[in-house]
PDB file of N, CA and C in Angstrom:
ATOM      1  N   UNK A   1     105.903 132.025 105.919  1.00  0.00           N
ATOM      2  CA  UNK A   1     106.833 132.734 105.093  1.00  0.00           C
ATOM      3  C   UNK A   1     106.051 133.524 104.057  1.00  0.00           C
ATOM      4  N   UNK A   2     106.455 134.759 103.829  1.00  0.00           N
ATOM      5  CA  UNK A   2     105.847 135.599 102.798  1.00  0.00           C
ATOM      6  C   UNK A   2     106.882 135.902 101.735  1.00  0.00           C
ATOM      7  N   UNK A   3     106.444 135.830 100.469  1.00  0.00           N
ATOM      8  CA  UNK A   3     107.352 136.091  99.365  1.00  0.00           C
ATOM      9  C   UNK A   3     106.552 136.727  98.228  1.00  0.00           C
ATOM     10  N   UNK A   4     107.172 137.668  97.545  1.00  0.00           N
ATOM     11  CA  UNK A   4     106.508 138.345  96.430  1.00  0.00           C
ATOM     12  C   UNK A   4     106.353 137.377  95.259  1.00  0.00           C
ATOM     13  N   UNK A   5     105.251 137.516  94.540  1.00  0.00           N
ATOM     14  CA  UNK A   5     104.981 136.655  93.386  1.00  0.00           C
ATOM     15  C   UNK A   5     106.134 136.736  92.388  1.00  0.00           C
ATOM     16  N   UNK A   6     106.651 137.931  92.137  1.00  0.00           N
ATOM     17  CA  UNK A   6     107.743 138.091  91.171  1.00  0.00           C
ATOM     18  C   UNK A   6     108.991 137.317  91.605  1.00  0.00           C
ATOM     19  N   UNK A   7     109.253 137.262  92.894  1.00  0.00           N
ATOM     20  CA  UNK A   7     110.408 136.529  93.414  1.00  0.00           C
ATOM     21  C   UNK A   7     110.127 135.027  93.452  1.00  0.00           C
ATOM     22  N   UNK A   8     108.874 134.662  93.668  1.00  0.00           N
ATOM     23  CA  UNK A   8     108.494 133.256  93.786  1.00  0.00           C
ATOM     24  C   UNK A   8     108.620 132.497  92.474  1.00  0.00           C
ATOM     25  N   UNK A   9     108.577 133.202  91.358  1.00  0.00           N
ATOM     26  CA  UNK A   9     108.640 132.543  90.049  1.00  0.00           C
ATOM     27  C   UNK A   9     109.856 131.632  89.927  1.00  0.00           C
ATOM     28  N   UNK A  10     110.971 132.109  90.374  1.00  0.00           N
ATOM     29  CA  UNK A  10     112.200 131.325  90.258  1.00  0.00           C
ATOM     30  C   UNK A  10     112.386 130.316  91.372  1.00  0.00           C
ATOM     31  N   UNK A  11     111.525 130.349  92.365  1.00  0.00           N
ATOM     32  CA  UNK A  11     111.675 129.462  93.526  1.00  0.00           C
ATOM     33  C   UNK A  11     110.466 128.563  93.722  1.00  0.00           C
ATOM     34  N   UNK A  12     109.661 128.376  92.684  1.00  0.00           N
ATOM     35  CA  UNK A  12     108.402 127.663  92.839  1.00  0.00           C
ATOM     36  C   UNK A  12     108.583 126.245  93.379  1.00  0.00           C
ATOM     37  N   UNK A  13     109.525 125.515  92.829  1.00  0.00           N
ATOM     38  CA  UNK A  13     109.741 124.135  93.281  1.00  0.00           C
ATOM     39  C   UNK A  13     110.060 124.096  94.765  1.00  0.00           C
ATOM     40  N   UNK A  14     110.943 124.964  95.197  1.00  0.00           N
ATOM     41  CA  UNK A  14     111.312 125.021  96.609  1.00  0.00           C
ATOM     42  C   UNK A  14     110.119 125.420  97.479  1.00  0.00           C
ATOM     43  N   UNK A  15     109.336 126.379  97.016  1.00  0.00           N
ATOM     44  CA  UNK A  15     108.175 126.822  97.785  1.00  0.00           C
ATOM     45  C   UNK A  15     107.121 125.728  97.897  1.00  0.00           C
ATOM     46  N   UNK A  16     106.930 124.982  96.825  1.00  0.00           N
ATOM     47  CA  UNK A  16     105.967 123.870  96.861  1.00  0.00           C
ATOM     48  C   UNK A  16     106.434 122.818  97.861  1.00  0.00           C
ATOM     49  N   UNK A  17     107.695 122.498  97.847  1.00  0.00           N
ATOM     50  CA  UNK A  17     108.228 121.517  98.808  1.00  0.00           C
ATOM     51  C   UNK A  17     108.019 121.986 100.242  1.00  0.00           C
ATOM     52  N   UNK A  18     108.248 123.256 100.480  1.00  0.00           N
ATOM     53  CA  UNK A  18     108.072 123.791 101.835  1.00  0.00           C
ATOM     54  C   UNK A  18     106.612 123.736 102.258  1.00  0.00           C
ATOM     55  N   UNK A  19     105.707 124.051 101.336  1.00  0.00           N
ATOM     56  CA  UNK A  19     104.276 123.979 101.643  1.00  0.00           C
ATOM     57  C   UNK A  19     103.861 122.536 101.907  1.00  0.00           C
ATOM     58  N   UNK A  20     104.370 121.600 101.109  1.00  0.00           N
ATOM     59  CA  UNK A  20     104.060 120.182 101.320  1.00  0.00           C
ATOM     60  C   UNK A  20     104.539 119.704 102.680  1.00  0.00           C
ATOM     61  N   UNK A  21     105.632 120.282 103.155  1.00  0.00           N
ATOM     62  CA  UNK A  21     106.185 119.910 104.457  1.00  0.00           C
ATOM     63  C   UNK A  21     105.426 120.552 105.611  1.00  0.00           C
ATOM     64  N   UNK A  22     104.457 121.408 105.297  1.00  0.00           N
ATOM     65  CA  UNK A  22     103.637 122.000 106.341  1.00  0.00           C
ATOM     66  C   UNK A  22     103.906 123.456 106.636  1.00  0.00           C
ATOM     67  N   UNK A  23     104.876 124.041 105.970  1.00  0.00           N
ATOM     68  CA  UNK A  23     105.177 125.454 106.208  1.00  0.00           C
ATOM     69  C   UNK A  23     104.113 126.336 105.547  1.00  0.00           C
ATOM     70  N   UNK A  24     103.771 127.415 106.202  1.00  0.00           N
ATOM     71  CA  UNK A  24     102.796 128.369 105.667  1.00  0.00           C
ATOM     72  C   UNK A  24     103.508 129.256 104.648  1.00  0.00           C
ATOM     73  N   UNK A  25     103.107 129.143 103.376  1.00  0.00           N
ATOM     74  CA  UNK A  25     103.732 129.920 102.307  1.00  0.00           C
ATOM     75  C   UNK A  25     102.680 130.867 101.731  1.00  0.00           C
ATOM     76  N   UNK A  26     102.941 132.155 101.843  1.00  0.00           N
ATOM     77  CA  UNK A  26     102.016 133.182 101.380  1.00  0.00           C
ATOM     78  C   UNK A  26     102.693 134.014 100.298  1.00  0.00           C
ATOM     79  N   UNK A  27     102.059 134.052  99.121  1.00  0.00           N
ATOM     80  CA  UNK A  27     102.587 134.871  98.029  1.00  0.00           C
ATOM     81  C   UNK A  27     101.898 136.227  98.068  1.00  0.00           C
ATOM     82  N   UNK A  28     102.694 137.273  97.908  1.00  0.00           N
ATOM     83  CA  UNK A  28     102.150 138.632  97.982  1.00  0.00           C
ATOM     84  C   UNK A  28     102.319 139.351  96.650  1.00  0.00           C
ATOM     85  N   UNK A  29     101.430 140.296  96.432  1.00  0.00           N
ATOM     86  CA  UNK A  29     101.522 141.159  95.257  1.00  0.00           C
ATOM     87  C   UNK A  29     101.388 142.591  95.765  1.00  0.00           C
ATOM     88  N   UNK A  30     102.377 143.400  95.490  1.00  0.00           N
ATOM     89  CA  UNK A  30     102.419 144.786  95.980  1.00  0.00           C
ATOM     90  C   UNK A  30     102.301 144.842  97.503  1.00  0.00           C
ATOM     91  N   UNK A  31     102.918 143.861  98.165  1.00  0.00           N
ATOM     92  CA  UNK A  31     102.934 143.834  99.618  1.00  0.00           C
ATOM     93  C   UNK A  31     101.663 143.318 100.265  1.00  0.00           C
ATOM     94  N   UNK A  32     100.662 142.941  99.477  1.00  0.00           N
ATOM     95  CA  UNK A  32      99.396 142.449 100.016  1.00  0.00           C
ATOM     96  C   UNK A  32      99.259 140.959  99.721  1.00  0.00           C
ATOM     97  N   UNK A  33      98.730 140.202 100.673  1.00  0.00           N
ATOM     98  CA  UNK A  33      98.554 138.763 100.449  1.00  0.00           C
ATOM     99  C   UNK A  33      97.718 138.496  99.204  1.00  0.00           C
ATOM    100  N   UNK A  34      98.197 137.560  98.369  1.00  0.00           N
ATOM    101  CA  UNK A  34      97.485 137.230  97.133  1.00  0.00           C
ATOM    102  C   UNK A  34      97.101 135.751  97.088  1.00  0.00           C
ATOM    103  N   UNK A  35      98.051 134.885  97.414  1.00  0.00           N
ATOM    104  CA  UNK A  35      97.826 133.446  97.289  1.00  0.00           C
ATOM    105  C   UNK A  35      98.531 132.722  98.425  1.00  0.00           C
ATOM    106  N   UNK A  36      97.883 131.681  98.921  1.00  0.00           N
ATOM    107  CA  UNK A  36      98.504 130.828  99.938  1.00  0.00           C
ATOM    108  C   UNK A  36      98.737 129.453  99.319  1.00  0.00           C
ATOM    109  N   UNK A  37      99.949 128.919  99.473  1.00  0.00           N
ATOM    110  CA  UNK A  37     100.242 127.573  98.995  1.00  0.00           C
ATOM    111  C   UNK A  37      99.952 126.587 100.122  1.00  0.00           C
ATOM    112  N   UNK A  38      99.103 125.621  99.826  1.00  0.00           N
ATOM    113  CA  UNK A  38      98.764 124.589 100.814  1.00  0.00           C
ATOM    114  C   UNK A  38      98.829 123.222 100.127  1.00  0.00           C
ATOM    115  N   UNK A  39      99.217 122.181 100.871  1.00  0.00           N
ATOM    116  CA  UNK A  39      99.263 120.849 100.269  1.00  0.00           C
ATOM    117  C   UNK A  39      97.854 120.313 100.040  1.00  0.00           C
ATOM    118  N   UNK A  40      97.716 119.502  99.007  1.00  0.00           N
ATOM    119  CA  UNK A  40      96.443 118.861  98.713  1.00  0.00           C
ATOM    120  C   UNK A  40      96.361 117.589  99.544  1.00  0.00           C
ATOM    121  N   UNK A  41      95.266 117.422 100.253  1.00  0.00           N
ATOM    122  CA  UNK A  41      95.080 116.197 101.019  1.00  0.00           C
ATOM    123  C   UNK A  41      94.388 115.178 100.130  1.00  0.00           C
ATOM    124  N   UNK A  42      94.896 113.952 100.119  1.00  0.00           N
ATOM    125  CA  UNK A  42      94.293 112.942  99.246  1.00  0.00           C
ATOM    126  C   UNK A  42      92.866 112.624  99.681  1.00  0.00           C
ATOM    127  N   UNK A  43      92.012 112.407  98.687  1.00  0.00           N
ATOM    128  CA  UNK A  43      90.625 112.076  98.954  1.00  0.00           C
ATOM    129  C   UNK A  43      90.541 110.610  99.360  1.00  0.00           C
ATOM    130  N   UNK A  44      89.833 110.333 100.433  1.00  0.00           N
ATOM    131  CA  UNK A  44      89.698 108.973 100.927  1.00  0.00           C
ATOM    132  C   UNK A  44      88.616 108.258 100.128  1.00  0.00           C
ATOM    133  N   UNK A  45      88.987 107.133  99.527  1.00  0.00           N
ATOM    134  CA  UNK A  45      88.031 106.319  98.787  1.00  0.00           C
ATOM    135  C   UNK A  45      87.586 105.199  99.726  1.00  0.00           C
ATOM    136  N   UNK A  46      86.443 105.396 100.364  1.00  0.00           N
ATOM    137  CA  UNK A  46      85.971 104.449 101.366  1.00  0.00           C
ATOM    138  C   UNK A  46      85.700 103.069 100.770  1.00  0.00           C
ATOM    139  N   UNK A  47      85.236 102.997  99.542  1.00  0.00           N
ATOM    140  CA  UNK A  47      84.957 101.699  98.929  1.00  0.00           C
ATOM    141  C   UNK A  47      86.251 100.892  98.784  1.00  0.00           C
ATOM    142  N   UNK A  48      87.329 101.555  98.320  1.00  0.00           N
ATOM    143  CA  UNK A  48      88.612 100.857  98.190  1.00  0.00           C
ATOM    144  C   UNK A  48      89.168 100.471  99.557  1.00  0.00           C
ATOM    145  N   UNK A  49      89.011 101.353 100.538  1.00  0.00           N
ATOM    146  CA  UNK A  49      89.496 101.057 101.884  1.00  0.00           C
ATOM    147  C   UNK A  49      88.766  99.845 102.467  1.00  0.00           C
ATOM    148  N   UNK A  50      87.443  99.817 102.327  1.00  0.00           N
ATOM    149  CA  UNK A  50      86.658  98.696 102.864  1.00  0.00           C
ATOM    150  C   UNK A  50      86.993  97.399 102.125  1.00  0.00           C
ATOM    151  N   UNK A  51      87.216  97.465 100.811  1.00  0.00           N
ATOM    152  CA  UNK A  51      87.589  96.279 100.045  1.00  0.00           C
ATOM    153  C   UNK A  51      88.939  95.731 100.523  1.00  0.00           C
ATOM    154  N   UNK A  52      89.876  96.603 100.817  1.00  0.00           N
ATOM    155  CA  UNK A  52      91.189  96.170 101.314  1.00  0.00           C
ATOM    156  C   UNK A  52      91.056  95.511 102.680  1.00  0.00           C
ATOM    157  N   UNK A  53      90.216  96.061 103.538  1.00  0.00           N
ATOM    158  CA  UNK A  53      89.996  95.472 104.857  1.00  0.00           C
ATOM    159  C   UNK A  53      89.361  94.096 104.703  1.00  0.00           C
ATOM    160  N   UNK A  54      88.373  93.986 103.816  1.00  0.00           N
ATOM    161  CA  UNK A  54      87.727  92.690 103.583  1.00  0.00           C
ATOM    162  C   UNK A  54      88.730  91.655 103.069  1.00  0.00           C
ATOM    163  N   UNK A  55      89.632  92.074 102.162  1.00  0.00           N
ATOM    164  CA  UNK A  55      90.654  91.148 101.658  1.00  0.00           C
ATOM    165  C   UNK A  55      91.592  90.706 102.778  1.00  0.00           C
ATOM    166  N   UNK A  56      91.957  91.621 103.663  1.00  0.00           N
ATOM    167  CA  UNK A  56      92.846  91.280 104.772  1.00  0.00           C
ATOM    168  C   UNK A  56      92.167  90.303 105.729  1.00  0.00           C
ATOM    169  N   UNK A  57      90.900  90.513 106.003  1.00  0.00           N
ATOM    170  CA  UNK A  57      90.156  89.605 106.884  1.00  0.00           C
ATOM    171  C   UNK A  57      90.059  88.223 106.250  1.00  0.00           C
ATOM    172  N   UNK A  58      89.753  88.179 104.965  1.00  0.00           N
ATOM    173  CA  UNK A  58      89.652  86.893 104.264  1.00  0.00           C
ATOM    174  C   UNK A  58      90.999  86.172 104.237  1.00  0.00           C
ATOM    175  N   UNK A  59      92.073  86.905 104.032  1.00  0.00           N
ATOM    176  CA  UNK A  59      93.404  86.296 104.032  1.00  0.00           C
ATOM    177  C   UNK A  59      93.730  85.728 105.415  1.00  0.00           C
ATOM    178  N   UNK A  60      93.324  86.403 106.456  1.00  0.00           N
ATOM    179  CA  UNK A  60      93.573  85.915 107.813  1.00  0.00           C
ATOM    180  C   UNK A  60      92.768  84.643 108.084  1.00  0.00           C
ATOM    181  N   UNK A  61      91.576  84.565 107.506  1.00  0.00           N
ATOM    182  CA  UNK A  61      90.754  83.360 107.690  1.00  0.00           C
ATOM    183  C   UNK A  61      91.335  82.169 106.936  1.00  0.00           C
ATOM    184  N   UNK A  62      91.789  82.407 105.726  1.00  0.00           N
ATOM    185  CA  UNK A  62      92.264  81.299 104.894  1.00  0.00           C
ATOM    186  C   UNK A  62      93.704  80.903 105.199  1.00  0.00           C
ATOM    187  N   UNK A  63      94.471  81.764 105.820  1.00  0.00           N
ATOM    188  CA  UNK A  63      95.859  81.471 106.178  1.00  0.00           C
ATOM    189  C   UNK A  63      96.053  81.769 107.667  1.00  0.00           C
ATOM    190  N   UNK A  64      95.602  80.862 108.537  1.00  0.00           N
ATOM    191  CA  UNK A  64      95.724  81.131 109.976  1.00  0.00           C
ATOM    192  C   UNK A  64      97.194  81.212 110.401  1.00  0.00           C
ATOM    193  N   UNK A  65      97.418  81.901 111.477  1.00  0.00           N
ATOM    194  CA  UNK A  65      98.777  82.068 111.999  1.00  0.00           C
ATOM    195  C   UNK A  65      99.330  80.720 112.441  1.00  0.00           C
ATOM    196  N   UNK A  66     100.598  80.526 112.195  1.00  0.00           N
ATOM    197  CA  UNK A  66     101.265  79.291 112.607  1.00  0.00           C
ATOM    198  C   UNK A  66     101.762  79.436 114.034  1.00  0.00           C
ATOM    199  N   UNK A  67     101.788  78.338 114.770  1.00  0.00           N
ATOM    200  CA  UNK A  67     102.310  78.440 116.138  1.00  0.00           C
ATOM    201  C   UNK A  67     103.792  78.792 116.108  1.00  0.00           C
ATOM    202  N   UNK A  68     104.202  79.580 117.053  1.00  0.00           N
ATOM    203  CA  UNK A  68     105.591  79.999 117.123  1.00  0.00           C
ATOM    204  C   UNK A  68     106.091  79.937 118.545  1.00  0.00           C
ATOM    205  N   UNK A  69     107.200  80.596 118.808  1.00  0.00           N
ATOM    206  CA  UNK A  69     107.741  80.581 120.166  1.00  0.00           C
ATOM    207  C   UNK A  69     106.829  81.329 121.124  1.00  0.00           C
ATOM    208  N   UNK A  70     106.949  80.996 122.373  1.00  0.00           N
ATOM    209  CA  UNK A  70     106.147  81.617 123.428  1.00  0.00           C
ATOM    210  C   UNK A  70     106.463  83.114 123.498  1.00  0.00           C
ATOM    211  N   UNK A  71     105.419  83.920 123.573  1.00  0.00           N
ATOM    212  CA  UNK A  71     105.592  85.370 123.630  1.00  0.00           C
ATOM    213  C   UNK A  71     106.340  85.800 124.885  1.00  0.00           C
ATOM    214  N   UNK A  72     106.242  85.004 125.921  1.00  0.00           N
ATOM    215  CA  UNK A  72     106.930  85.345 127.163  1.00  0.00           C
ATOM    216  C   UNK A  72     108.443  85.344 126.968  1.00  0.00           C
ATOM    217  N   UNK A  73     108.936  84.666 125.963  1.00  0.00           N
ATOM    218  CA  UNK A  73     110.370  84.605 125.708  1.00  0.00           C
ATOM    219  C   UNK A  73     110.788  85.503 124.551  1.00  0.00           C
ATOM    220  N   UNK A  74     109.896  86.368 124.073  1.00  0.00           N
ATOM    221  CA  UNK A  74     110.203  87.190 122.907  1.00  0.00           C
ATOM    222  C   UNK A  74     111.384  88.131 123.136  1.00  0.00           C
ATOM    223  N   UNK A  75     111.603  88.543 124.374  1.00  0.00           N
ATOM    224  CA  UNK A  75     112.725  89.431 124.635  1.00  0.00           C
ATOM    225  C   UNK A  75     114.057  88.757 124.326  1.00  0.00           C
ATOM    226  N   UNK A  76     114.085  87.419 124.326  1.00  0.00           N
ATOM    227  CA  UNK A  76     115.315  86.700 123.994  1.00  0.00           C
ATOM    228  C   UNK A  76     115.736  86.972 122.556  1.00  0.00           C
ATOM    229  N   UNK A  77     114.760  87.270 121.678  1.00  0.00           N
ATOM    230  CA  UNK A  77     115.061  87.524 120.281  1.00  0.00           C
ATOM    231  C   UNK A  77     115.406  88.992 120.033  1.00  0.00           C
ATOM    232  N   UNK A  78     115.083  89.873 120.980  1.00  0.00           N
ATOM    233  CA  UNK A  78     115.318  91.302 120.808  1.00  0.00           C
ATOM    234  C   UNK A  78     116.643  91.766 121.410  1.00  0.00           C
ATOM    235  N   UNK A  79     117.026  91.152 122.499  1.00  0.00           N
ATOM    236  CA  UNK A  79     118.185  91.614 123.251  1.00  0.00           C
ATOM    237  C   UNK A  79     119.301  90.581 123.214  1.00  0.00           C
ATOM    238  N   UNK A  80     120.517  91.084 123.201  1.00  0.00           N
ATOM    239  CA  UNK A  80     121.674  90.222 123.354  1.00  0.00           C
ATOM    240  C   UNK A  80     122.571  90.833 124.420  1.00  0.00           C
ATOM    241  N   UNK A  81     123.801  90.391 124.491  1.00  0.00           N
ATOM    242  CA  UNK A  81     124.686  90.918 125.538  1.00  0.00           C
ATOM    243  C   UNK A  81     124.988  92.399 125.372  1.00  0.00           C
ATOM    244  N   UNK A  82     124.749  92.980 124.172  1.00  0.00           N
ATOM    245  CA  UNK A  82     125.004  94.396 123.922  1.00  0.00           C
ATOM    246  C   UNK A  82     123.749  95.264 124.006  1.00  0.00           C
ATOM    247  N   UNK A  83     122.635  94.657 124.360  1.00  0.00           N
ATOM    248  CA  UNK A  83     121.374  95.417 124.427  1.00  0.00           C
ATOM    249  C   UNK A  83     120.532  95.139 123.207  1.00  0.00           C
ATOM    250  N   UNK A  84     119.708  96.119 122.850  1.00  0.00           N
ATOM    251  CA  UNK A  84     118.763  95.977 121.735  1.00  0.00           C
ATOM    252  C   UNK A  84     119.440  95.880 120.409  1.00  0.00           C
TER     253      UNK A  84
END
């Protein structure tokens, strides 16, 4: 979508939402492309990600899974006489 900067002033919130949703938003000045609105991608913090994985692994070690019903019968819990 292309829109003039002067017109975009009153529609900024809507244009930002559209750009965040993945739509290509191009602002023009005197009919020439001036600015493109693009969503900011979050920066991946690998240290925090690895710490979360380590916590999940440790939690799995300290709290083992409890025995439950046989997986072969799991469909009994999903389906009834009316389907899913």
